[in-house]
Protein backbone atom coordinates (compact mmCIF):
# COMPACT_ATOMS: atom_id res chain seq x y z
CA MET A 1 -3.72 9.45 -15.56
CA PRO A 2 -4.12 9.63 -11.71
CA THR A 3 -3.57 13.07 -10.16
CA ILE A 4 -3.81 14.59 -6.69
CA THR A 5 -4.09 18.28 -5.66
CA ILE A 6 -1.59 20.03 -3.44
CA GLU A 7 -4.25 20.05 -0.73
CA GLU A 8 -4.49 16.25 -0.97
CA PHE A 9 -0.68 16.00 -0.93
CA LEU A 10 -0.43 17.98 2.25
CA ASN A 11 -3.23 16.02 3.85
CA ILE A 12 -1.49 12.79 3.02
CA ASN A 13 1.66 14.13 4.65
CA ASP A 14 -0.20 15.27 7.65
CA ARG A 15 -1.94 11.89 8.15
CA LYS A 16 1.60 10.38 8.35
CA ASN A 17 2.49 12.77 11.22
CA ASN A 18 4.11 15.38 8.87
CA TYR A 19 6.32 12.74 7.28
CA LEU A 20 8.05 15.41 5.11
CA LYS A 21 8.48 17.92 8.00
CA LEU A 22 6.83 20.62 6.02
CA LYS A 23 5.92 24.14 7.05
CA ARG A 24 3.58 26.24 4.80
CA LEU A 25 4.92 29.53 3.82
CA THR A 26 2.10 30.69 1.53
CA SER A 27 -0.96 29.86 3.62
CA SER A 28 -3.80 28.55 1.43
CA VAL A 29 -2.29 29.55 -1.93
CA GLY A 30 -2.11 27.00 -4.75
CA LEU A 31 -3.96 24.23 -2.97
CA ASP A 32 -5.91 23.27 -6.12
CA ASN A 33 -2.73 22.81 -8.17
CA ILE A 34 -2.19 19.40 -9.56
CA ILE A 35 0.58 16.76 -9.01
CA ASP A 36 0.64 13.88 -11.47
CA SER A 37 3.87 12.11 -10.55
CA SER A 38 5.84 10.95 -7.54
CA TYR A 39 9.08 12.39 -9.14
CA TYR A 40 10.34 15.79 -8.34
CA ASN A 41 12.62 18.35 -10.22
CA ARG A 42 15.40 20.63 -9.05
CA PRO A 43 15.14 23.87 -10.93
CA GLY A 44 18.95 24.28 -11.48
CA MET A 45 19.36 25.82 -14.85
CA ALA A 46 15.88 27.39 -14.74
CA LEU A 47 17.26 29.86 -12.28
CA PHE A 48 19.50 31.04 -15.16
CA ARG A 49 16.56 31.50 -17.43
CA TYR A 50 17.31 28.26 -19.31
CA PHE A 51 13.81 26.75 -19.62
CA ILE A 52 14.37 24.11 -22.31
CA ASP A 53 13.30 20.74 -20.91
CA PHE A 54 12.26 22.46 -17.66
CA ALA A 55 10.02 19.92 -15.92
CA TYR A 56 7.92 22.70 -14.46
CA ASP A 57 4.88 20.42 -13.82
CA LYS A 58 6.76 18.40 -11.15
CA ILE A 59 7.26 19.23 -7.51
CA GLN A 60 10.17 21.67 -7.45
CA VAL A 61 12.73 21.02 -4.76
CA PHE A 62 15.27 23.85 -3.87
CA GLY A 63 18.26 22.26 -2.32
CA ARG A 64 20.92 24.12 -0.42
CA GLY A 65 22.58 25.40 -3.68
CA GLU A 66 19.32 26.56 -5.47
CA ALA A 67 17.97 28.00 -2.28
CA ASN A 68 21.09 30.07 -1.51
CA TYR A 69 21.24 31.24 -5.06
CA VAL A 70 17.64 32.48 -4.76
CA ILE A 71 18.68 34.42 -1.65
CA THR A 72 21.53 35.93 -3.68
CA LEU A 73 19.30 36.96 -6.58
CA ASP A 74 17.14 38.73 -4.12
CA LYS A 75 20.10 40.61 -2.64
CA GLU A 76 21.14 41.63 -6.11
CA ASN A 77 17.67 42.78 -6.83
CA LYS A 78 17.29 40.27 -9.76
CA ILE A 79 13.81 39.25 -8.80
CA ASP A 80 12.72 39.42 -12.54
CA ILE A 81 14.28 35.93 -12.67
CA PHE A 82 11.62 34.90 -10.05
CA GLU A 83 8.97 36.33 -12.31
CA ASP A 84 10.17 34.24 -15.36
CA LEU A 85 10.53 31.12 -13.26
CA LEU A 86 7.21 31.30 -11.39
CA ALA A 87 5.31 32.19 -14.52
CA HIS A 88 5.40 28.55 -15.28
CA LYS A 89 2.55 26.48 -13.78
CA ILE A 90 4.62 24.96 -10.97
CA PRO A 91 2.45 22.98 -8.48
CA ILE A 92 4.63 23.49 -5.39
CA CYS A 93 8.11 24.65 -4.35
CA ILE A 94 9.92 22.91 -1.46
CA PHE A 95 13.00 24.52 0.23
CA THR A 96 15.07 21.97 2.09
CA HIS A 97 17.41 22.43 4.99
CA SER A 98 14.98 24.83 6.80
CA ILE A 99 16.10 27.57 4.34
CA MET A 100 13.58 30.35 4.12
CA PRO A 101 13.15 31.98 0.63
CA PRO A 102 13.14 35.81 0.46
CA ASN A 103 9.78 37.67 0.62
CA SER A 104 10.17 38.76 -2.92
CA PHE A 105 10.05 35.02 -4.02
CA LEU A 106 7.03 34.37 -1.78
CA ASP A 107 5.16 37.46 -3.12
CA ILE A 108 5.65 36.41 -6.77
CA ALA A 109 4.72 32.74 -5.91
CA ILE A 110 1.43 33.98 -4.22
CA LYS A 111 0.70 36.16 -7.32
CA ASN A 112 1.09 33.10 -9.50
CA ASN A 113 -0.91 30.82 -7.29
CA ILE A 114 2.11 28.60 -6.36
CA CYS A 115 2.29 26.94 -2.99
CA VAL A 116 5.67 27.30 -1.24
CA VAL A 117 6.78 25.22 1.81
CA SER A 118 10.01 24.67 3.70
CA THR A 119 11.30 21.41 5.31
CA THR A 120 13.85 20.54 7.92
CA LEU A 121 14.91 17.50 5.83
CA LYS A 122 18.05 17.40 3.70
CA THR A 123 17.65 17.26 -0.09
CA VAL A 124 18.85 13.72 -0.28
CA GLU A 125 16.19 12.58 2.26
CA MET A 126 13.44 14.32 0.22
CA HIS A 127 14.14 12.14 -2.86
CA THR A 128 13.28 8.96 -0.95
CA LYS A 129 10.47 10.36 1.16
CA ILE A 130 8.58 12.12 -1.62
CA LYS A 131 8.58 8.95 -3.70
CA ASP A 132 7.58 6.80 -0.66
CA LEU A 133 4.76 9.14 0.17
CA LEU A 134 3.32 9.49 -3.27
CA GLU A 135 4.16 6.19 -4.99
CA GLU A 136 0.79 4.60 -4.17
CA GLN A 137 -1.15 7.60 -5.46
CA PHE A 138 -0.03 7.18 -9.09
CA ILE A 139 -0.18 3.39 -9.78
CA GLU A 140 -2.91 1.23 -10.93
CA SER A 141 -5.44 0.06 -8.36
CA VAL A 142 -8.32 -2.32 -8.23
CA THR A 143 -11.19 -2.68 -5.68
CA ILE A 144 -12.24 -6.16 -4.65
CA HIS A 145 -15.25 -7.29 -2.63
CA GLY A 146 -14.03 -9.11 0.48
CA CYS A 147 -12.41 -8.76 3.92
CA LEU A 148 -8.74 -8.07 4.37
CA ILE A 149 -7.28 -9.12 7.72
CA GLU A 150 -3.80 -9.59 9.15
CA VAL A 151 -3.42 -13.16 10.67
CA PHE A 152 -0.14 -13.95 12.36
CA GLY A 153 1.46 -11.20 10.26
CA VAL A 154 0.07 -12.65 7.03
CA GLY A 155 -2.20 -10.46 4.90
CA VAL A 156 -5.29 -12.65 4.19
CA LEU A 157 -8.04 -11.62 1.66
CA ILE A 158 -11.29 -13.48 2.56
CA ILE A 159 -13.69 -13.63 -0.44
CA GLY A 160 -16.86 -15.47 -1.33
CA LYS A 161 -20.55 -14.99 -2.18
CA SER A 162 -22.82 -12.88 0.04
CA GLY A 163 -24.00 -14.72 3.14
CA VAL A 164 -21.17 -17.31 3.17
CA GLY A 165 -19.78 -16.08 6.46
CA LYS A 166 -16.91 -13.74 5.56
CA SER A 167 -17.75 -11.09 8.28
CA GLU A 168 -18.44 -13.68 10.85
CA ALA A 169 -15.06 -15.46 10.34
CA THR A 170 -13.34 -11.99 10.33
CA LEU A 171 -15.10 -11.00 13.57
CA GLU A 172 -13.88 -14.29 15.25
CA LEU A 173 -10.39 -13.67 14.05
CA ILE A 174 -10.37 -10.19 15.49
CA ASP A 175 -11.62 -11.62 18.73
CA LYS A 176 -8.61 -13.85 18.71
CA GLY A 177 -6.26 -10.89 18.48
CA HIS A 178 -5.81 -10.52 14.72
CA ARG A 179 -6.17 -7.21 12.96
CA LEU A 180 -8.73 -5.87 10.46
CA ILE A 181 -7.62 -3.71 7.51
CA SER A 182 -10.90 -3.46 5.60
CA ASP A 183 -14.32 -5.10 5.37
CA ASP A 184 -16.61 -5.45 2.42
CA THR A 185 -14.43 -3.56 -0.12
CA VAL A 186 -10.60 -3.42 -0.31
CA GLU A 187 -8.48 -1.24 -2.55
CA PHE A 188 -5.34 -2.91 -3.79
CA LYS A 189 -2.36 -1.22 -5.39
CA LYS A 190 0.83 -2.73 -6.92
CA LEU A 191 4.11 -1.14 -5.80
CA SER A 192 7.18 -0.80 -8.03
CA ASP A 193 8.75 -3.75 -6.17
CA GLY A 194 5.83 -5.99 -7.07
CA ARG A 195 4.09 -6.10 -3.76
CA ILE A 196 0.36 -5.85 -3.65
CA ILE A 197 -0.81 -3.59 -0.91
CA GLY A 198 -4.42 -3.54 0.42
CA LYS A 199 -5.81 -0.51 2.31
CA LYS A 200 -8.89 0.40 4.18
CA ASN A 201 -11.87 1.94 2.40
CA GLU A 202 -11.67 5.65 3.42
CA PHE A 203 -15.44 6.00 3.57
CA ILE A 204 -16.12 2.75 5.37
CA LYS A 205 -12.94 2.89 7.50
CA HIS A 206 -12.91 0.19 10.14
CA ASN A 207 -16.70 -0.41 10.30
CA MET A 208 -18.17 -3.85 9.61
CA GLU A 209 -21.79 -4.75 8.65
CA VAL A 210 -22.94 -7.76 10.57
CA ARG A 211 -26.25 -9.23 9.63
CA GLY A 212 -28.71 -9.18 12.61
CA ILE A 213 -26.62 -6.71 14.49
CA GLY A 214 -25.92 -3.84 12.08
CA VAL A 215 -22.79 -1.77 11.64
CA VAL A 216 -20.08 -2.01 14.31
CA ASP A 217 -16.90 0.09 14.63
CA ILE A 218 -13.99 -2.28 15.21
CA SER A 219 -11.63 0.49 16.32
CA ARG A 220 -13.98 1.36 19.18
CA LEU A 221 -15.33 -2.16 19.84
CA SER A 222 -11.96 -3.93 20.02
CA GLY A 223 -9.44 -1.06 20.37
CA MET A 224 -6.79 0.33 18.06
CA SER A 225 -4.72 -2.79 18.39
CA ALA A 226 -7.41 -4.65 16.30
CA ILE A 227 -6.91 -2.55 13.21
CA ARG A 228 -4.42 -1.53 10.56
CA ASP A 229 -4.73 0.96 7.63
CA ARG A 230 -2.84 -1.06 5.07
CA LYS A 231 -1.20 -4.49 4.59
CA ARG A 232 0.66 -6.47 1.96
CA LEU A 233 -1.58 -9.16 0.48
CA ASP A 234 -0.05 -12.64 0.89
CA ILE A 235 -2.88 -15.15 0.40
CA VAL A 236 -6.45 -15.25 -0.97
CA ILE A 237 -9.01 -17.59 0.74
CA GLU A 238 -12.38 -18.07 -0.82
CA LEU A 239 -15.16 -19.40 1.33
CA GLU A 240 -17.75 -21.51 -0.45
CA HIS A 241 -20.88 -23.35 0.72
CA TRP A 242 -20.07 -27.11 0.81
CA GLN A 243 -21.23 -28.84 -2.36
CA ASN A 244 -20.91 -32.45 -1.21
CA MET A 245 -20.14 -34.69 -4.16
CA GLU A 246 -20.52 -31.86 -6.71
CA GLN A 247 -17.13 -30.27 -5.98
CA GLN A 248 -13.80 -32.02 -5.33
CA TYR A 249 -11.81 -30.16 -2.69
CA ASP A 250 -7.99 -30.31 -2.41
CA ARG A 251 -7.06 -32.62 0.46
CA MET A 252 -3.25 -32.74 0.01
CA GLY A 253 -2.25 -29.25 -1.05
CA LEU A 254 0.26 -30.37 -3.67
CA ASP A 255 -1.41 -28.49 -6.54
CA GLU A 256 -0.80 -24.76 -5.82
CA LYS A 257 -3.45 -22.41 -7.14
CA PHE A 258 -3.32 -18.64 -7.62
CA TYR A 259 -5.57 -15.63 -7.69
CA ASN A 260 -4.52 -12.92 -10.12
CA ILE A 261 -4.65 -9.46 -8.95
CA LEU A 262 -2.98 -6.56 -10.97
CA GLU A 263 -1.23 -9.15 -13.08
CA THR A 264 0.35 -10.71 -9.99
CA ASP A 265 -0.31 -14.33 -8.87
CA ILE A 266 -1.33 -14.54 -5.19
CA PRO A 267 -1.47 -18.03 -3.48
CA TYR A 268 -5.21 -19.08 -3.40
CA LEU A 269 -7.25 -21.50 -1.32
CA LYS A 270 -10.86 -22.52 -1.44
CA ILE A 271 -12.36 -23.57 1.91
CA PRO A 272 -15.78 -25.28 1.97
CA VAL A 273 -18.11 -23.87 4.65
CA ARG A 274 -20.78 -26.00 6.42
CA SER A 275 -22.34 -26.21 9.95
CA GLY A 276 -19.81 -27.42 12.43
CA ARG A 277 -16.72 -26.20 10.70
CA ASN A 278 -14.62 -23.68 12.54
CA ILE A 279 -13.60 -21.36 9.72
CA SER A 280 -11.39 -19.04 11.76
CA ILE A 281 -9.24 -21.91 12.85
CA LEU A 282 -8.87 -23.06 9.24
CA ILE A 283 -7.93 -19.53 8.15
CA GLU A 284 -5.35 -19.33 11.06
CA THR A 285 -3.89 -22.74 9.97
CA ALA A 286 -3.70 -21.51 6.37
CA ALA A 287 -1.81 -18.39 7.45
CA LYS A 288 0.70 -20.33 9.58
CA ASN A 289 1.15 -22.85 6.75
CA PHE A 290 1.90 -20.01 4.38
CA ARG A 291 4.64 -18.68 6.72
CA LEU A 292 6.06 -22.31 6.93
CA LYS A 293 6.26 -22.47 3.09
CA ASN A 294 7.96 -19.06 3.03
CA MET A 295 10.59 -20.52 5.46
CA GLY A 296 11.14 -23.33 2.95
CA TYR A 297 9.03 -26.14 4.53
CA ASN A 298 6.19 -27.54 2.54
CA SER A 299 4.21 -30.16 4.59
CA ALA A 300 2.47 -31.73 1.61
CA LYS A 301 5.64 -32.11 -0.33
CA GLU A 302 7.56 -33.43 2.70
CA LEU A 303 4.88 -36.06 3.15
CA GLU A 304 4.95 -36.99 -0.62
CA LYS A 305 8.71 -37.20 -0.42
CA ASN A 306 8.58 -39.53 2.56
CA LEU A 307 5.86 -41.73 1.00
CA ILE A 308 7.97 -42.12 -2.23
CA ILE A 309 10.96 -43.09 -0.14
CA ARG A 310 9.02 -45.58 1.79
CA ILE A 311 7.44 -47.01 -1.37
CA GLU A 312 10.85 -47.30 -3.00
CA LYS A 313 12.26 -49.13 0.09
CA ARG A 314 9.40 -51.58 0.12
CA LYS A 315 9.90 -52.26 -3.62
CA GLN A 316 13.53 -52.84 -3.03
CA ASN A 317 12.79 -55.29 -0.12
CA ILE A 318 10.39 -57.15 -2.25
CA GLU A 319 12.94 -57.49 -5.03
CA ASN A 320 15.53 -58.62 -2.61
CA ASN A 321 13.21 -61.23 -1.18
CA ASN A 322 12.34 -62.54 -4.67
CA LYS A 323 16.05 -62.94 -5.44
CA ASN A 324 16.61 -65.01 -2.34
């Protein structure tokens, strides 16, 4: 089962410009605690010492009601309830609405190695934002060898054998104004809505290896407008050395083919490569054609329909002439 530490959780939040508007209240305490789900729990009845079915291993969100009750318990000197609550292995406590828990709560949390933070967000906002922030961390993933690039807003994965020209085609596309997500290896995850999202390799980042030149940093070479960290995968294009008569290549595009990633079928094309072919233009054309199909227009099927209509008309004319 995938897990992340509290430190990783906070780092993910920071990389997204403090997406959850968090402020640490316990410094470096509890950073090695584990989160294994994008769902959170509101302690509710646990504050009354009712711990049956208490989902203590989830992120604990203290909304306005729970937070104010914690403050009331402190004023009434009932901090033994905090002792019982925080004796459970809670990974992190989040207080919404900028409400600050009392020092007694923080002291007991520190003693039990539990991270406590506050947020300016409302409790309802936290539900959506925590799930959005963490969903990708707890879903199945797969790593594929290839280049992922955004072409006219379309996420294109370029695959093929080593030396076929994937990096060269990608470089030319970047030079034309398209954006690189990841070169060489791409990590894909499937979101709950069925989308397949590809993201950059955190180790390689936006570097590319080009034979004869070496490693180049696209973010520095072409600017920040030439890169993205993640992108939905829309189409897979495989580059293959032209095999002359040994391989029959699709010339009409009527037979749609798919590439399966994480049990999801992604539109797939195979493009033969040989000297003189401008691969970047072919990939651009494939991306634009994909967008056309999404808008409801399929060039190959329209041509087929028009041909059938023309053949039927000709047959009808021949029959009419024979009758006369």
